[in-house]
Structures are given as C-alpha cells and as structure tokens.
Amino acid sequence: MEQIMTYEEAFRELAMIAKDIESENVSIDVLAEKVKRASELIAFCQTKLRSTESEVNNIISQMRERDDQS
C-alpha cells in the first residue's frame, strides 16, 4: 500500500538531500540517485503548491460571489 506524502515531508526530505549534497559527503555512486529523488520531490512540491493555490483561489472566488449577492 502506497503511503501518501505531505508537502512538509517532501520538503523535509528535499532539505536533507540538499544538505547531504552540499556537505560533499555523497559518493558518486549515490549522487545520481539523490538528484533524481530531489527532482521527484521538487515536482511533487510544485504540483502540491499549484493545487493549493487553485483551491484557495476558488474559495476566494466563491466568497466574493456570496458577498456580491448580499
């Protein structure tokens, strides 16, 4: 069963990968794997942010419509 990742979990993992790479303690054999995982996490976070932005904009739009009807 696949576990659903939250934005915070993805961001935390991404920060850990960045820290590992910046510290230069990552072997060449593992570097490509970490960069690939970071790419996946970035895409996940971008999608989550876009989705949240769209949802918030819809809620604001609905609130404005209700205010206009009052």
N, C-alpha and C. Protein backbone atom coordinates (compact mmCIF):
# COMPACT_ATOMS: atom_id res chain seq x y z
N MET A 1 0.85 -1.19 0.00
CA MET A 1 0.00 0.00 0.00
C MET A 1 0.89 1.25 0.00
N GLU A 2 0.59 2.16 -0.90
CA GLU A 2 1.40 3.36 -1.05
C GLU A 2 1.02 4.40 -0.01
N GLN A 3 2.05 4.95 0.66
CA GLN A 3 1.82 5.98 1.66
C GLN A 3 1.73 7.34 0.96
N ILE A 4 0.79 8.15 1.36
CA ILE A 4 0.64 9.49 0.78
C ILE A 4 1.56 10.44 1.53
N MET A 5 2.39 11.14 0.76
CA MET A 5 3.36 12.07 1.33
C MET A 5 2.74 13.46 1.44
N THR A 6 3.05 14.12 2.53
CA THR A 6 2.60 15.50 2.68
C THR A 6 3.66 16.44 2.10
N TYR A 7 3.27 17.67 1.87
CA TYR A 7 4.20 18.68 1.38
C TYR A 7 5.36 18.84 2.37
N GLU A 8 5.03 18.88 3.65
CA GLU A 8 6.06 19.08 4.67
C GLU A 8 7.07 17.94 4.68
N GLU A 9 6.60 16.70 4.52
CA GLU A 9 7.51 15.55 4.47
C GLU A 9 8.42 15.63 3.25
N ALA A 10 7.84 15.98 2.11
CA ALA A 10 8.62 16.09 0.88
C ALA A 10 9.65 17.20 1.01
N PHE A 11 9.24 18.32 1.56
CA PHE A 11 10.16 19.45 1.72
C PHE A 11 11.29 19.11 2.67
N ARG A 12 10.96 18.40 3.76
CA ARG A 12 11.97 17.98 4.73
C ARG A 12 13.00 17.04 4.08
N GLU A 13 12.49 16.06 3.31
CA GLU A 13 13.39 15.14 2.63
C GLU A 13 14.26 15.87 1.61
N LEU A 14 13.67 16.81 0.90
CA LEU A 14 14.41 17.60 -0.08
C LEU A 14 15.52 18.40 0.60
N ALA A 15 15.22 18.98 1.75
CA ALA A 15 16.22 19.74 2.51
C ALA A 15 17.36 18.84 2.96
N MET A 16 17.04 17.62 3.37
CA MET A 16 18.07 16.68 3.79
C MET A 16 18.97 16.29 2.62
N ILE A 17 18.38 16.07 1.46
CA ILE A 17 19.16 15.73 0.26
C ILE A 17 20.08 16.89 -0.09
N ALA A 18 19.56 18.10 -0.06
CA ALA A 18 20.37 19.29 -0.37
C ALA A 18 21.54 19.40 0.61
N LYS A 19 21.26 19.18 1.88
CA LYS A 19 22.31 19.26 2.90
C LYS A 19 23.39 18.20 2.64
N ASP A 20 22.97 16.98 2.32
CA ASP A 20 23.92 15.91 2.02
C ASP A 20 24.81 16.27 0.84
N ILE A 21 24.19 16.78 -0.21
CA ILE A 21 24.95 17.13 -1.42
C ILE A 21 25.89 18.30 -1.15
N GLU A 22 25.41 19.30 -0.43
CA GLU A 22 26.25 20.47 -0.11
C GLU A 22 27.43 20.11 0.77
N SER A 23 27.26 19.12 1.64
CA SER A 23 28.35 18.72 2.54
C SER A 23 29.41 17.90 1.81
N GLU A 24 29.11 17.53 0.58
CA GLU A 24 30.02 16.76 -0.26
C GLU A 24 30.35 15.39 0.34
N ASN A 25 29.44 14.87 1.16
CA ASN A 25 29.63 13.55 1.74
C ASN A 25 28.92 12.46 0.93
N VAL A 26 28.42 12.82 -0.21
CA VAL A 26 27.68 11.87 -1.04
C VAL A 26 28.64 11.27 -2.05
N SER A 27 28.68 9.95 -2.08
CA SER A 27 29.55 9.29 -3.05
C SER A 27 28.98 9.45 -4.45
N ILE A 28 29.82 9.36 -5.42
CA ILE A 28 29.42 9.48 -6.82
C ILE A 28 28.36 8.43 -7.16
N ASP A 29 28.47 7.25 -6.56
CA ASP A 29 27.53 6.18 -6.84
C ASP A 29 26.12 6.52 -6.38
N VAL A 30 26.01 7.35 -5.35
CA VAL A 30 24.70 7.68 -4.78
C VAL A 30 24.19 9.03 -5.30
N LEU A 31 25.08 9.85 -5.81
CA LEU A 31 24.73 11.20 -6.23
C LEU A 31 23.58 11.23 -7.24
N ALA A 32 23.65 10.42 -8.28
CA ALA A 32 22.60 10.41 -9.30
C ALA A 32 21.25 10.02 -8.69
N GLU A 33 21.25 9.08 -7.77
CA GLU A 33 20.00 8.67 -7.11
C GLU A 33 19.41 9.82 -6.31
N LYS A 34 20.27 10.52 -5.59
CA LYS A 34 19.79 11.64 -4.76
C LYS A 34 19.26 12.78 -5.63
N VAL A 35 19.95 13.07 -6.73
CA VAL A 35 19.49 14.12 -7.64
C VAL A 35 18.16 13.74 -8.27
N LYS A 36 18.01 12.48 -8.64
CA LYS A 36 16.74 12.01 -9.22
C LYS A 36 15.61 12.13 -8.20
N ARG A 37 15.88 11.71 -6.96
CA ARG A 37 14.87 11.80 -5.91
C ARG A 37 14.51 13.27 -5.64
N ALA A 38 15.52 14.13 -5.63
CA ALA A 38 15.27 15.56 -5.42
C ALA A 38 14.38 16.11 -6.52
N SER A 39 14.62 15.69 -7.75
CA SER A 39 13.81 16.12 -8.87
C SER A 39 12.35 15.69 -8.69
N GLU A 40 12.15 14.46 -8.24
CA GLU A 40 10.79 13.96 -7.99
C GLU A 40 10.11 14.75 -6.88
N LEU A 41 10.86 15.05 -5.83
CA LEU A 41 10.30 15.80 -4.71
C LEU A 41 9.95 17.24 -5.11
N ILE A 42 10.80 17.85 -5.93
CA ILE A 42 10.52 19.21 -6.41
C ILE A 42 9.24 19.21 -7.24
N ALA A 43 9.10 18.24 -8.12
CA ALA A 43 7.89 18.16 -8.95
C ALA A 43 6.65 17.96 -8.07
N PHE A 44 6.77 17.11 -7.06
CA PHE A 44 5.66 16.87 -6.13
C PHE A 44 5.27 18.17 -5.42
N CYS A 45 6.28 18.89 -4.91
CA CYS A 45 6.01 20.13 -4.17
C CYS A 45 5.38 21.19 -5.09
N GLN A 46 5.89 21.30 -6.32
CA GLN A 46 5.32 22.27 -7.26
C GLN A 46 3.86 21.94 -7.56
N THR A 47 3.56 20.68 -7.77
CA THR A 47 2.19 20.26 -8.05
C THR A 47 1.29 20.55 -6.86
N LYS A 48 1.78 20.25 -5.67
CA LYS A 48 1.01 20.49 -4.45
C LYS A 48 0.74 21.99 -4.27
N LEU A 49 1.76 22.82 -4.52
CA LEU A 49 1.58 24.26 -4.39
C LEU A 49 0.58 24.81 -5.40
N ARG A 50 0.68 24.34 -6.65
CA ARG A 50 -0.27 24.79 -7.68
C ARG A 50 -1.70 24.38 -7.32
N SER A 51 -1.85 23.16 -6.84
CA SER A 51 -3.16 22.65 -6.46
C SER A 51 -3.75 23.48 -5.31
N THR A 52 -2.92 23.76 -4.33
CA THR A 52 -3.37 24.55 -3.19
C THR A 52 -3.72 25.97 -3.61
N GLU A 53 -2.91 26.55 -4.48
CA GLU A 53 -3.19 27.90 -4.98
C GLU A 53 -4.53 27.93 -5.71
N SER A 54 -4.78 26.94 -6.53
CA SER A 54 -6.03 26.87 -7.27
C SER A 54 -7.22 26.72 -6.32
N GLU A 55 -7.06 25.88 -5.32
CA GLU A 55 -8.13 25.66 -4.35
C GLU A 55 -8.43 26.94 -3.57
N VAL A 56 -7.39 27.62 -3.14
CA VAL A 56 -7.57 28.88 -2.40
C VAL A 56 -8.23 29.93 -3.28
N ASN A 57 -7.80 30.02 -4.54
CA ASN A 57 -8.42 30.98 -5.45
C ASN A 57 -9.90 30.68 -5.67
N ASN A 58 -10.25 29.40 -5.75
CA ASN A 58 -11.66 29.02 -5.89
C ASN A 58 -12.47 29.43 -4.66
N ILE A 59 -11.90 29.22 -3.49
CA ILE A 59 -12.60 29.58 -2.25
C ILE A 59 -12.80 31.09 -2.19
N ILE A 60 -11.76 31.85 -2.53
CA ILE A 60 -11.87 33.32 -2.53
C ILE A 60 -12.91 33.77 -3.53
N SER A 61 -12.93 33.15 -4.70
CA SER A 61 -13.91 33.49 -5.73
C SER A 61 -15.33 33.22 -5.23
N GLN A 62 -15.53 32.09 -4.57
CA GLN A 62 -16.85 31.77 -4.02
C GLN A 62 -17.26 32.77 -2.95
N MET A 63 -16.30 33.17 -2.13
CA MET A 63 -16.61 34.15 -1.08
C MET A 63 -17.00 35.48 -1.70
N ARG A 64 -16.32 35.89 -2.75
CA ARG A 64 -16.65 37.15 -3.43
C ARG A 64 -18.03 37.09 -4.06
N GLU A 65 -18.35 35.93 -4.67
CA GLU A 65 -19.66 35.77 -5.27
C GLU A 65 -20.77 35.89 -4.21
N ARG A 66 -20.55 35.31 -3.05
CA ARG A 66 -21.53 35.41 -1.96
C ARG A 66 -21.68 36.85 -1.48
N ASP A 67 -20.53 37.56 -1.40
CA ASP A 67 -20.58 38.95 -0.98
C ASP A 67 -21.31 39.82 -2.00
N ASP A 68 -21.12 39.53 -3.29
CA ASP A 68 -21.78 40.28 -4.35
C ASP A 68 -23.29 40.03 -4.35
N GLN A 69 -23.69 38.86 -3.91
CA GLN A 69 -25.13 38.51 -3.89
C GLN A 69 -25.82 39.12 -2.68
N SER A 70 -25.04 39.55 -1.70
CA SER A 70 -25.65 40.11 -0.47
C SER A 70 -26.12 41.51 -0.65
